[in-house]
N, C-alpha and C. Protein backbone atom coordinates (compact mmCIF):
# COMPACT_ATOMS: atom_id res chain seq x y z
N UNK A 1 105.88 12.88 -6.84
CA UNK A 1 105.07 12.12 -7.76
C UNK A 1 105.41 12.58 -9.16
N UNK A 2 105.61 11.62 -10.04
CA UNK A 2 106.01 11.96 -11.40
C UNK A 2 104.81 12.38 -12.22
N UNK A 3 105.14 13.01 -13.34
CA UNK A 3 104.10 13.46 -14.27
C UNK A 3 103.32 12.25 -14.79
N UNK A 4 104.01 11.17 -15.04
CA UNK A 4 103.35 9.96 -15.55
C UNK A 4 102.35 9.44 -14.52
N UNK A 5 102.73 9.48 -13.24
CA UNK A 5 101.83 9.01 -12.19
C UNK A 5 100.59 9.90 -12.12
N UNK A 6 100.79 11.20 -12.24
CA UNK A 6 99.66 12.13 -12.22
C UNK A 6 98.72 11.89 -13.39
N UNK A 7 99.32 11.70 -14.57
CA UNK A 7 98.50 11.45 -15.76
C UNK A 7 97.71 10.16 -15.58
N UNK A 8 98.36 9.12 -15.10
CA UNK A 8 97.66 7.84 -14.91
C UNK A 8 96.57 7.96 -13.86
N UNK A 9 96.83 8.70 -12.77
CA UNK A 9 95.82 8.89 -11.72
C UNK A 9 94.62 9.65 -12.28
N UNK A 10 94.89 10.69 -13.10
CA UNK A 10 93.80 11.46 -13.72
C UNK A 10 92.99 10.61 -14.67
N UNK A 11 93.69 9.82 -15.46
CA UNK A 11 93.00 8.94 -16.40
C UNK A 11 92.16 7.93 -15.64
N UNK A 12 92.70 7.41 -14.55
CA UNK A 12 91.95 6.44 -13.75
C UNK A 12 90.71 7.05 -13.12
N UNK A 13 90.85 8.28 -12.59
CA UNK A 13 89.70 8.97 -11.99
C UNK A 13 88.65 9.27 -13.04
N UNK A 14 89.10 9.75 -14.19
CA UNK A 14 88.16 10.04 -15.29
C UNK A 14 87.45 8.77 -15.73
N UNK A 15 88.18 7.70 -15.83
CA UNK A 15 87.57 6.43 -16.23
C UNK A 15 86.54 5.99 -15.20
N UNK A 16 86.85 6.21 -13.91
CA UNK A 16 85.91 5.84 -12.85
C UNK A 16 84.64 6.66 -12.94
N UNK A 17 84.79 7.97 -13.18
CA UNK A 17 83.62 8.85 -13.31
C UNK A 17 82.79 8.44 -14.51
N UNK A 18 83.45 8.16 -15.63
CA UNK A 18 82.73 7.74 -16.85
C UNK A 18 82.00 6.43 -16.60
N UNK A 19 82.65 5.50 -15.91
CA UNK A 19 82.02 4.20 -15.62
C UNK A 19 80.81 4.39 -14.72
N UNK A 20 80.96 5.24 -13.69
CA UNK A 20 79.84 5.49 -12.78
C UNK A 20 78.68 6.13 -13.54
N UNK A 21 79.01 7.11 -14.40
CA UNK A 21 77.96 7.75 -15.20
C UNK A 21 77.26 6.75 -16.11
N UNK A 22 78.04 5.86 -16.70
CA UNK A 22 77.46 4.83 -17.57
C UNK A 22 76.56 3.91 -16.77
N UNK A 23 77.00 3.62 -15.54
CA UNK A 23 76.17 2.76 -14.68
C UNK A 23 74.83 3.41 -14.37
N UNK A 24 74.86 4.70 -14.02
CA UNK A 24 73.63 5.44 -13.74
C UNK A 24 72.76 5.48 -14.99
N UNK A 25 73.38 5.81 -16.13
CA UNK A 25 72.63 5.87 -17.38
C UNK A 25 71.99 4.51 -17.69
N UNK A 26 72.78 3.46 -17.49
CA UNK A 26 72.27 2.11 -17.75
C UNK A 26 71.10 1.77 -16.84
N UNK A 27 71.17 2.16 -15.56
CA UNK A 27 70.08 1.90 -14.61
C UNK A 27 68.82 2.65 -15.01
N UNK A 28 68.98 3.94 -15.35
CA UNK A 28 67.82 4.74 -15.78
C UNK A 28 67.21 4.13 -17.04
N UNK A 29 68.06 3.74 -17.99
CA UNK A 29 67.56 3.13 -19.22
C UNK A 29 66.81 1.82 -18.92
N UNK A 30 67.36 1.02 -18.03
CA UNK A 30 66.72 -0.26 -17.67
C UNK A 30 65.36 -0.01 -17.01
N UNK A 31 65.27 1.01 -16.13
CA UNK A 31 63.99 1.33 -15.49
C UNK A 31 62.95 1.76 -16.52
N UNK A 32 63.37 2.60 -17.45
CA UNK A 32 62.43 3.05 -18.50
C UNK A 32 61.94 1.88 -19.32
N UNK A 33 62.85 0.98 -19.65
CA UNK A 33 62.47 -0.19 -20.45
C UNK A 33 61.50 -1.09 -19.68
N UNK A 34 61.76 -1.26 -18.38
CA UNK A 34 60.88 -2.14 -17.61
C UNK A 34 59.49 -1.53 -17.48
N UNK A 35 59.41 -0.20 -17.38
CA UNK A 35 58.10 0.45 -17.32
C UNK A 35 57.34 0.27 -18.62
N UNK A 36 58.08 0.35 -19.73
CA UNK A 36 57.42 0.20 -21.04
C UNK A 36 56.92 -1.22 -21.24
N UNK A 37 57.66 -2.19 -20.73
CA UNK A 37 57.28 -3.58 -20.97
C UNK A 37 56.27 -4.09 -19.95
N UNK A 38 56.05 -3.33 -18.87
CA UNK A 38 55.09 -3.74 -17.86
C UNK A 38 53.67 -3.66 -18.43
N UNK A 39 52.77 -4.58 -18.04
CA UNK A 39 51.39 -4.44 -18.50
C UNK A 39 50.78 -3.18 -17.90
N UNK A 40 49.85 -2.61 -18.62
CA UNK A 40 49.23 -1.38 -18.13
C UNK A 40 48.45 -1.68 -16.85
N UNK A 41 48.23 -0.63 -16.09
CA UNK A 41 47.49 -0.79 -14.83
C UNK A 41 46.09 -1.32 -15.13
N UNK A 42 45.52 -2.06 -14.20
CA UNK A 42 44.17 -2.58 -14.44
C UNK A 42 43.19 -1.42 -14.60
N UNK A 43 42.15 -1.61 -15.40
CA UNK A 43 41.18 -0.53 -15.58
C UNK A 43 40.49 -0.24 -14.26
N UNK A 44 40.05 1.01 -14.09
CA UNK A 44 39.37 1.33 -12.83
C UNK A 44 38.10 0.51 -12.70
N UNK A 45 37.76 0.23 -11.45
CA UNK A 45 36.53 -0.51 -11.21
C UNK A 45 35.35 0.34 -11.65
N UNK A 46 34.29 -0.28 -12.16
CA UNK A 46 33.13 0.52 -12.54
C UNK A 46 32.52 1.17 -11.31
N UNK A 47 31.90 2.32 -11.54
CA UNK A 47 31.25 3.02 -10.43
C UNK A 47 30.19 2.11 -9.84
N UNK A 48 30.05 2.22 -8.52
CA UNK A 48 29.07 1.38 -7.84
C UNK A 48 27.69 1.69 -8.35
N UNK A 49 26.96 0.64 -8.62
CA UNK A 49 25.57 0.85 -9.05
C UNK A 49 24.64 0.70 -7.88
N UNK A 50 25.25 0.63 -6.66
CA UNK A 50 24.42 0.48 -5.47
C UNK A 50 23.56 1.70 -5.28
N UNK A 51 22.35 1.49 -4.86
CA UNK A 51 21.46 2.59 -4.59
C UNK A 51 21.58 2.96 -3.15
N UNK A 52 21.01 4.10 -2.82
CA UNK A 52 21.04 4.52 -1.43
C UNK A 52 20.40 3.42 -0.60
N UNK A 53 21.05 3.08 0.47
CA UNK A 53 20.49 2.06 1.33
C UNK A 53 21.10 0.71 1.09
N UNK A 54 21.77 0.54 -0.05
CA UNK A 54 22.45 -0.72 -0.31
C UNK A 54 23.88 -0.58 0.13
N UNK A 55 24.57 -1.70 0.36
CA UNK A 55 25.96 -1.59 0.77
C UNK A 55 26.81 -0.84 -0.24
N UNK A 56 26.41 -0.80 -1.50
CA UNK A 56 27.17 -0.06 -2.51
C UNK A 56 26.98 1.43 -2.40
N UNK A 57 25.94 1.87 -1.70
CA UNK A 57 25.72 3.30 -1.54
C UNK A 57 26.76 3.85 -0.59
N UNK A 58 26.77 5.15 -0.37
CA UNK A 58 27.73 5.68 0.59
C UNK A 58 28.44 6.87 0.03
N UNK A 59 29.75 6.82 0.06
CA UNK A 59 30.54 7.95 -0.36
C UNK A 59 30.15 8.38 -1.76
N UNK A 60 30.01 9.67 -1.95
CA UNK A 60 29.59 10.17 -3.25
C UNK A 60 28.09 10.11 -3.42
N UNK A 61 27.38 9.84 -2.35
CA UNK A 61 25.93 9.64 -2.38
C UNK A 61 25.23 10.88 -1.84
N UNK A 62 25.53 12.05 -2.40
CA UNK A 62 25.01 13.32 -1.88
C UNK A 62 23.49 13.35 -1.94
N UNK A 63 22.89 13.95 -0.94
CA UNK A 63 21.44 14.08 -0.86
C UNK A 63 21.07 15.52 -0.55
N UNK A 64 19.84 15.87 -0.89
CA UNK A 64 19.35 17.20 -0.59
C UNK A 64 19.07 17.37 0.90
N UNK A 65 18.54 16.31 1.55
CA UNK A 65 18.09 16.44 2.93
C UNK A 65 18.48 15.20 3.75
N UNK A 66 19.11 15.45 4.89
CA UNK A 66 19.37 14.41 5.89
C UNK A 66 18.29 14.56 6.95
N UNK A 67 17.57 13.47 7.28
CA UNK A 67 16.50 13.55 8.28
C UNK A 67 16.91 12.76 9.52
N UNK A 68 16.99 13.47 10.66
CA UNK A 68 17.30 12.85 11.95
C UNK A 68 16.03 12.84 12.80
N UNK A 69 15.90 11.83 13.66
CA UNK A 69 14.71 11.71 14.50
C UNK A 69 14.98 10.73 15.63
N UNK A 70 14.18 10.82 16.67
CA UNK A 70 14.22 9.84 17.76
C UNK A 70 13.36 8.65 17.35
N UNK A 71 13.64 7.51 17.93
CA UNK A 71 12.92 6.27 17.55
C UNK A 71 11.40 6.42 17.62
N UNK A 72 10.89 7.14 18.60
CA UNK A 72 9.44 7.28 18.74
C UNK A 72 8.80 8.09 17.61
N UNK A 73 9.61 8.75 16.82
CA UNK A 73 9.09 9.58 15.71
C UNK A 73 9.35 8.97 14.35
N UNK A 74 9.74 7.69 14.30
CA UNK A 74 10.15 7.09 13.03
C UNK A 74 9.02 7.10 11.99
N UNK A 75 7.81 6.72 12.37
CA UNK A 75 6.72 6.66 11.39
C UNK A 75 6.46 8.05 10.81
N UNK A 76 6.45 9.06 11.66
CA UNK A 76 6.21 10.43 11.19
C UNK A 76 7.36 10.89 10.30
N UNK A 77 8.59 10.57 10.70
CA UNK A 77 9.76 10.97 9.91
C UNK A 77 9.74 10.30 8.54
N UNK A 78 9.36 9.01 8.49
CA UNK A 78 9.26 8.32 7.19
C UNK A 78 8.23 9.00 6.29
N UNK A 79 7.07 9.34 6.88
CA UNK A 79 6.03 10.00 6.09
C UNK A 79 6.53 11.34 5.55
N UNK A 80 7.25 12.08 6.40
CA UNK A 80 7.81 13.36 5.96
C UNK A 80 8.82 13.14 4.83
N UNK A 81 9.67 12.12 4.97
CA UNK A 81 10.67 11.83 3.94
C UNK A 81 10.01 11.48 2.61
N UNK A 82 8.94 10.69 2.66
CA UNK A 82 8.21 10.34 1.43
C UNK A 82 7.65 11.60 0.78
N UNK A 83 7.08 12.48 1.57
CA UNK A 83 6.53 13.72 1.03
C UNK A 83 7.63 14.61 0.44
N UNK A 84 8.79 14.65 1.11
CA UNK A 84 9.90 15.45 0.59
C UNK A 84 10.39 14.90 -0.76
N UNK A 85 10.47 13.59 -0.87
CA UNK A 85 10.87 13.01 -2.15
C UNK A 85 9.83 13.29 -3.23
N UNK A 86 8.56 13.26 -2.87
CA UNK A 86 7.52 13.59 -3.83
C UNK A 86 7.62 15.05 -4.28
N UNK A 87 8.19 15.90 -3.41
CA UNK A 87 8.37 17.32 -3.74
C UNK A 87 9.66 17.55 -4.54
N UNK A 88 10.41 16.47 -4.81
CA UNK A 88 11.59 16.59 -5.66
C UNK A 88 12.93 16.57 -4.94
N UNK A 89 12.94 16.36 -3.64
CA UNK A 89 14.19 16.30 -2.89
C UNK A 89 14.70 14.86 -2.80
N UNK A 90 16.01 14.69 -2.76
CA UNK A 90 16.58 13.39 -2.44
C UNK A 90 16.81 13.39 -0.93
N UNK A 91 16.43 12.29 -0.28
CA UNK A 91 16.42 12.25 1.19
C UNK A 91 17.30 11.13 1.71
N UNK A 92 18.08 11.44 2.76
CA UNK A 92 18.82 10.42 3.51
C UNK A 92 18.04 10.15 4.78
N UNK A 93 17.64 8.90 4.95
CA UNK A 93 16.90 8.48 6.15
C UNK A 93 17.52 7.16 6.58
N UNK A 94 17.89 7.04 7.85
CA UNK A 94 18.60 5.84 8.28
C UNK A 94 17.83 4.56 7.98
N UNK A 95 16.51 4.60 8.10
CA UNK A 95 15.70 3.40 7.83
C UNK A 95 15.84 2.95 6.38
N UNK A 96 16.18 3.87 5.48
CA UNK A 96 16.34 3.54 4.06
C UNK A 96 17.81 3.35 3.68
N UNK A 97 18.69 4.01 4.39
CA UNK A 97 20.08 4.11 3.93
C UNK A 97 21.12 3.31 4.71
N UNK A 98 20.69 2.60 5.72
CA UNK A 98 21.63 1.75 6.45
C UNK A 98 21.17 0.31 6.30
N UNK A 99 21.98 -0.48 5.59
CA UNK A 99 21.65 -1.88 5.35
C UNK A 99 22.19 -2.79 6.44
N UNK A 100 21.79 -4.04 6.38
CA UNK A 100 22.27 -5.03 7.33
C UNK A 100 23.80 -5.13 7.23
N UNK A 101 24.44 -5.34 8.35
CA UNK A 101 25.89 -5.54 8.47
C UNK A 101 26.70 -4.27 8.22
N UNK A 102 26.04 -3.15 8.01
CA UNK A 102 26.78 -1.90 7.84
C UNK A 102 27.05 -1.28 9.20
N UNK A 103 28.09 -0.47 9.26
CA UNK A 103 28.44 0.20 10.51
C UNK A 103 27.61 1.48 10.59
N UNK A 104 26.71 1.52 11.55
CA UNK A 104 25.72 2.60 11.65
C UNK A 104 26.40 3.96 11.73
N UNK A 105 27.37 4.10 12.62
CA UNK A 105 28.01 5.41 12.81
C UNK A 105 28.66 5.90 11.53
N UNK A 106 29.32 5.01 10.80
CA UNK A 106 29.97 5.41 9.54
C UNK A 106 28.94 5.89 8.53
N UNK A 107 27.82 5.17 8.43
CA UNK A 107 26.78 5.56 7.45
C UNK A 107 26.14 6.89 7.84
N UNK A 108 25.89 7.08 9.14
CA UNK A 108 25.29 8.34 9.59
C UNK A 108 26.26 9.50 9.32
N UNK A 109 27.53 9.31 9.65
CA UNK A 109 28.52 10.36 9.40
C UNK A 109 28.61 10.69 7.91
N UNK A 110 28.60 9.67 7.06
CA UNK A 110 28.66 9.91 5.61
C UNK A 110 27.41 10.65 5.15
N UNK A 111 26.24 10.26 5.68
CA UNK A 111 25.00 10.94 5.32
C UNK A 111 25.02 12.41 5.69
N UNK A 112 25.52 12.71 6.88
CA UNK A 112 25.62 14.11 7.32
C UNK A 112 26.63 14.86 6.45
N UNK A 113 27.77 14.25 6.23
CA UNK A 113 28.85 14.90 5.47
C UNK A 113 28.40 15.25 4.05
N UNK A 114 27.56 14.42 3.45
CA UNK A 114 27.21 14.61 2.04
C UNK A 114 25.87 15.31 1.83
N UNK A 115 25.19 15.67 2.93
CA UNK A 115 23.88 16.33 2.80
C UNK A 115 24.03 17.82 2.56
N UNK A 116 23.09 18.38 1.83
CA UNK A 116 23.06 19.82 1.60
C UNK A 116 22.20 20.54 2.64
N UNK A 117 21.25 19.82 3.22
CA UNK A 117 20.36 20.36 4.26
C UNK A 117 20.14 19.25 5.28
N UNK A 118 19.72 19.64 6.49
CA UNK A 118 19.40 18.63 7.51
C UNK A 118 18.18 19.07 8.29
N UNK A 119 17.37 18.09 8.64
CA UNK A 119 16.21 18.31 9.49
C UNK A 119 16.37 17.45 10.73
N UNK A 120 15.97 17.98 11.87
CA UNK A 120 15.86 17.16 13.06
C UNK A 120 14.42 17.20 13.49
N UNK A 121 13.75 16.05 13.40
CA UNK A 121 12.37 15.95 13.84
C UNK A 121 12.39 15.95 15.36
N UNK A 122 11.68 16.89 15.96
CA UNK A 122 11.64 17.03 17.41
C UNK A 122 10.28 16.58 17.91
N UNK A 123 10.29 15.44 18.59
CA UNK A 123 9.07 14.91 19.20
C UNK A 123 9.24 14.85 20.70
N UNK A 124 8.31 14.17 21.35
CA UNK A 124 8.31 14.12 22.81
C UNK A 124 9.57 13.48 23.39
N UNK A 125 10.18 12.52 22.68
CA UNK A 125 11.32 11.79 23.24
C UNK A 125 12.68 12.26 22.72
N UNK A 126 12.70 13.27 21.89
CA UNK A 126 13.97 13.72 21.31
C UNK A 126 15.03 14.08 22.36
N UNK A 127 14.67 14.86 23.39
CA UNK A 127 15.71 15.24 24.36
C UNK A 127 16.26 14.06 25.16
N UNK A 128 15.51 12.97 25.25
CA UNK A 128 15.91 11.85 26.10
C UNK A 128 16.81 10.84 25.40
N UNK A 129 16.96 10.94 24.10
CA UNK A 129 17.67 9.90 23.36
C UNK A 129 19.12 10.30 23.12
N UNK A 130 20.08 9.59 23.72
CA UNK A 130 21.50 9.97 23.60
C UNK A 130 21.98 10.02 22.14
N UNK A 131 21.59 9.05 21.32
CA UNK A 131 22.04 9.05 19.93
C UNK A 131 21.54 10.29 19.19
N UNK A 132 20.31 10.70 19.48
CA UNK A 132 19.77 11.90 18.83
C UNK A 132 20.59 13.13 19.21
N UNK A 133 21.02 13.19 20.45
CA UNK A 133 21.85 14.32 20.88
C UNK A 133 23.21 14.29 20.16
N UNK A 134 23.75 13.10 19.95
CA UNK A 134 25.03 13.00 19.22
C UNK A 134 24.87 13.43 17.77
N UNK A 135 23.77 13.01 17.15
CA UNK A 135 23.52 13.42 15.76
C UNK A 135 23.33 14.93 15.71
N UNK A 136 22.61 15.48 16.71
CA UNK A 136 22.44 16.92 16.77
C UNK A 136 23.80 17.63 16.81
N UNK A 137 24.71 17.13 17.64
CA UNK A 137 26.04 17.74 17.76
C UNK A 137 26.77 17.72 16.42
N UNK A 138 26.70 16.58 15.73
CA UNK A 138 27.36 16.48 14.42
C UNK A 138 26.72 17.44 13.41
N UNK A 139 25.41 17.54 13.43
CA UNK A 139 24.72 18.44 12.51
C UNK A 139 25.04 19.90 12.82
N UNK A 140 25.08 20.24 14.09
CA UNK A 140 25.40 21.62 14.48
C UNK A 140 26.83 21.97 14.06
N UNK A 141 27.75 21.05 14.26
CA UNK A 141 29.14 21.29 13.86
C UNK A 141 29.23 21.49 12.36
N UNK A 142 28.55 20.62 11.61
CA UNK A 142 28.57 20.73 10.15
C UNK A 142 27.95 22.05 9.69
N UNK A 143 26.91 22.47 10.39
CA UNK A 143 26.25 23.73 10.07
C UNK A 143 27.18 24.92 10.30
N UNK A 144 27.87 24.91 11.43
CA UNK A 144 28.76 26.03 11.76
C UNK A 144 29.98 26.05 10.85
N UNK A 145 30.59 24.89 10.65
CA UNK A 145 31.86 24.84 9.91
C UNK A 145 31.69 24.86 8.39
N UNK A 146 30.58 24.30 7.88
CA UNK A 146 30.44 24.17 6.43
C UNK A 146 29.17 24.78 5.86
N UNK A 147 28.36 25.42 6.71
CA UNK A 147 27.17 26.09 6.21
C UNK A 147 25.99 25.19 5.90
N UNK A 148 25.98 23.99 6.46
CA UNK A 148 24.82 23.11 6.27
C UNK A 148 23.57 23.80 6.80
N UNK A 149 22.51 23.84 6.01
CA UNK A 149 21.24 24.41 6.48
C UNK A 149 20.59 23.37 7.39
N UNK A 150 20.38 23.72 8.65
CA UNK A 150 19.92 22.79 9.68
C UNK A 150 18.64 23.33 10.30
N UNK A 151 17.53 22.61 10.09
CA UNK A 151 16.21 23.10 10.48
C UNK A 151 15.54 22.13 11.45
N UNK A 152 15.19 22.58 12.66
CA UNK A 152 14.37 21.75 13.54
C UNK A 152 12.94 21.67 13.01
N UNK A 153 12.34 20.51 13.11
CA UNK A 153 10.95 20.30 12.69
C UNK A 153 10.22 19.75 13.92
N UNK A 154 9.34 20.56 14.51
CA UNK A 154 8.67 20.18 15.75
C UNK A 154 7.31 19.57 15.44
N UNK A 155 7.02 18.45 16.12
CA UNK A 155 5.75 17.75 15.87
C UNK A 155 5.14 17.24 17.16
N UNK A 156 3.87 16.90 17.08
CA UNK A 156 3.18 16.23 18.18
C UNK A 156 3.35 16.94 19.51
N UNK A 157 3.75 16.16 20.52
CA UNK A 157 3.93 16.71 21.86
C UNK A 157 5.35 17.24 22.06
N UNK A 158 6.08 17.39 20.98
CA UNK A 158 7.46 17.84 21.09
C UNK A 158 7.57 19.27 21.58
N UNK A 159 8.54 19.48 22.42
CA UNK A 159 8.91 20.82 22.87
C UNK A 159 10.35 21.02 22.42
N UNK A 160 10.63 22.18 21.89
CA UNK A 160 11.99 22.41 21.40
C UNK A 160 12.94 22.38 22.59
N UNK A 161 13.85 21.40 22.62
CA UNK A 161 14.79 21.32 23.73
C UNK A 161 15.80 22.46 23.67
N UNK A 162 16.41 22.72 24.80
CA UNK A 162 17.36 23.83 24.90
C UNK A 162 18.45 23.71 23.85
N UNK A 163 18.90 22.48 23.56
CA UNK A 163 20.00 22.33 22.61
C UNK A 163 19.61 22.68 21.19
N UNK A 164 18.31 22.83 20.90
CA UNK A 164 17.89 23.26 19.57
C UNK A 164 17.26 24.65 19.57
N UNK A 165 17.18 25.23 20.76
CA UNK A 165 16.48 26.50 20.90
C UNK A 165 17.07 27.68 20.14
N UNK A 166 18.30 27.56 19.70
CA UNK A 166 18.93 28.68 19.00
C UNK A 166 18.53 28.75 17.54
N UNK A 167 17.83 27.77 17.05
CA UNK A 167 17.48 27.71 15.62
C UNK A 167 15.98 27.90 15.42
N UNK A 168 15.64 28.66 14.42
CA UNK A 168 14.23 28.80 14.07
C UNK A 168 13.84 27.56 13.27
N UNK A 169 12.77 26.93 13.68
CA UNK A 169 12.34 25.72 13.02
C UNK A 169 10.98 25.88 12.36
N UNK A 170 10.48 24.75 11.89
CA UNK A 170 9.13 24.71 11.33
C UNK A 170 8.28 23.92 12.32
N UNK A 171 7.22 24.54 12.79
CA UNK A 171 6.41 23.98 13.87
C UNK A 171 5.14 23.34 13.31
N UNK A 172 5.13 22.02 13.28
CA UNK A 172 3.95 21.31 12.78
C UNK A 172 2.88 21.17 13.86
N UNK A 173 3.11 21.73 15.06
CA UNK A 173 2.07 21.78 16.10
C UNK A 173 1.17 22.98 15.86
N UNK A 174 1.62 23.87 14.98
CA UNK A 174 0.87 25.08 14.65
C UNK A 174 -0.54 24.68 14.20
N UNK A 175 -1.54 25.48 14.53
CA UNK A 175 -2.89 25.11 14.10
C UNK A 175 -3.10 25.16 12.59
N UNK A 176 -2.15 25.74 11.86
CA UNK A 176 -2.28 25.78 10.39
C UNK A 176 -2.28 24.35 9.85
N UNK A 177 -2.91 24.14 8.70
CA UNK A 177 -2.94 22.79 8.12
C UNK A 177 -1.53 22.26 7.82
N UNK A 178 -1.40 20.93 7.87
CA UNK A 178 -0.11 20.28 7.63
C UNK A 178 0.51 20.76 6.33
N UNK A 179 -0.28 20.80 5.24
CA UNK A 179 0.28 21.16 3.93
C UNK A 179 0.84 22.58 3.94
N UNK A 180 0.24 23.46 4.69
CA UNK A 180 0.74 24.83 4.78
C UNK A 180 2.11 24.85 5.47
N UNK A 181 2.25 24.09 6.55
CA UNK A 181 3.53 24.00 7.26
C UNK A 181 4.57 23.30 6.38
N UNK A 182 4.12 22.29 5.62
CA UNK A 182 5.03 21.57 4.73
C UNK A 182 5.57 22.52 3.66
N UNK A 183 4.71 23.38 3.13
CA UNK A 183 5.17 24.36 2.13
C UNK A 183 6.23 25.30 2.72
N UNK A 184 6.06 25.69 3.98
CA UNK A 184 7.05 26.53 4.66
C UNK A 184 8.38 25.78 4.72
N UNK A 185 8.33 24.48 5.06
CA UNK A 185 9.54 23.67 5.14
C UNK A 185 10.22 23.55 3.77
N UNK A 186 9.45 23.31 2.73
CA UNK A 186 10.00 23.19 1.38
C UNK A 186 10.69 24.48 0.97
N UNK A 187 10.07 25.62 1.24
CA UNK A 187 10.69 26.90 0.91
C UNK A 187 11.99 27.09 1.67
N UNK A 188 12.00 26.69 2.94
CA UNK A 188 13.21 26.83 3.75
C UNK A 188 14.33 25.95 3.19
N UNK A 189 14.01 24.72 2.78
CA UNK A 189 15.01 23.83 2.21
C UNK A 189 15.56 24.36 0.89
N UNK A 190 14.76 25.09 0.18
CA UNK A 190 15.21 25.70 -1.09
C UNK A 190 15.94 27.01 -0.87
N UNK A 191 16.01 27.44 0.39
CA UNK A 191 16.70 28.69 0.70
C UNK A 191 15.88 29.93 0.40
N UNK A 192 14.58 29.76 0.27
CA UNK A 192 13.70 30.90 -0.01
C UNK A 192 13.29 31.57 1.29
N UNK A 193 13.11 32.87 1.24
CA UNK A 193 12.66 33.61 2.40
C UNK A 193 11.19 33.31 2.64
N UNK A 194 10.71 33.51 3.88
CA UNK A 194 9.28 33.28 4.14
C UNK A 194 8.41 34.15 3.24
N UNK A 195 7.25 33.62 2.89
CA UNK A 195 6.33 34.37 2.03
C UNK A 195 5.83 35.61 2.76
N UNK A 196 5.69 36.71 2.01
CA UNK A 196 5.13 37.94 2.59
C UNK A 196 3.63 37.89 2.39
N UNK A 197 2.93 37.96 3.49
CA UNK A 197 1.46 37.86 3.43
C UNK A 197 0.85 39.20 3.70
């Protein structure tokens, strides 16, 4: 191969490399230009103004207390939830927080996930209700894995079932007045130790 052929081959290779580099540079430049000329991304949607219990509620809807109960204890659980809110707590209660056409399991899971404390109202029918046992399992798991404060609340003819027997609860069957037991519950939800008498 002659020197002239080598020089021409080198010049050709160099020209090819320069052309390829120019092509890459041109592509990068074109991408930058297209990004600059593109309209800006749409503004974020406004935060949901849905309240708890509305379809707009849900994720990001943290509450102080999640209240679980069997169907036979709904009236008592509602009364307890009203009293807790009057005491300054935000409460998640399925009767208030699950709207029509919502997926019950998803809303219950979100309520448990975002709660800082949980109560399980234990009445006469609590051990018999499969859904209550499932909610108990989710609450117990959340308590063990993430430190959720989980308190059984025993009422009426309720007997603490074996699946809740490992936790100290607040017993509203106690002969002490309701308000005295309620104060014990409020202190427990605030993380305060029992009063020394």
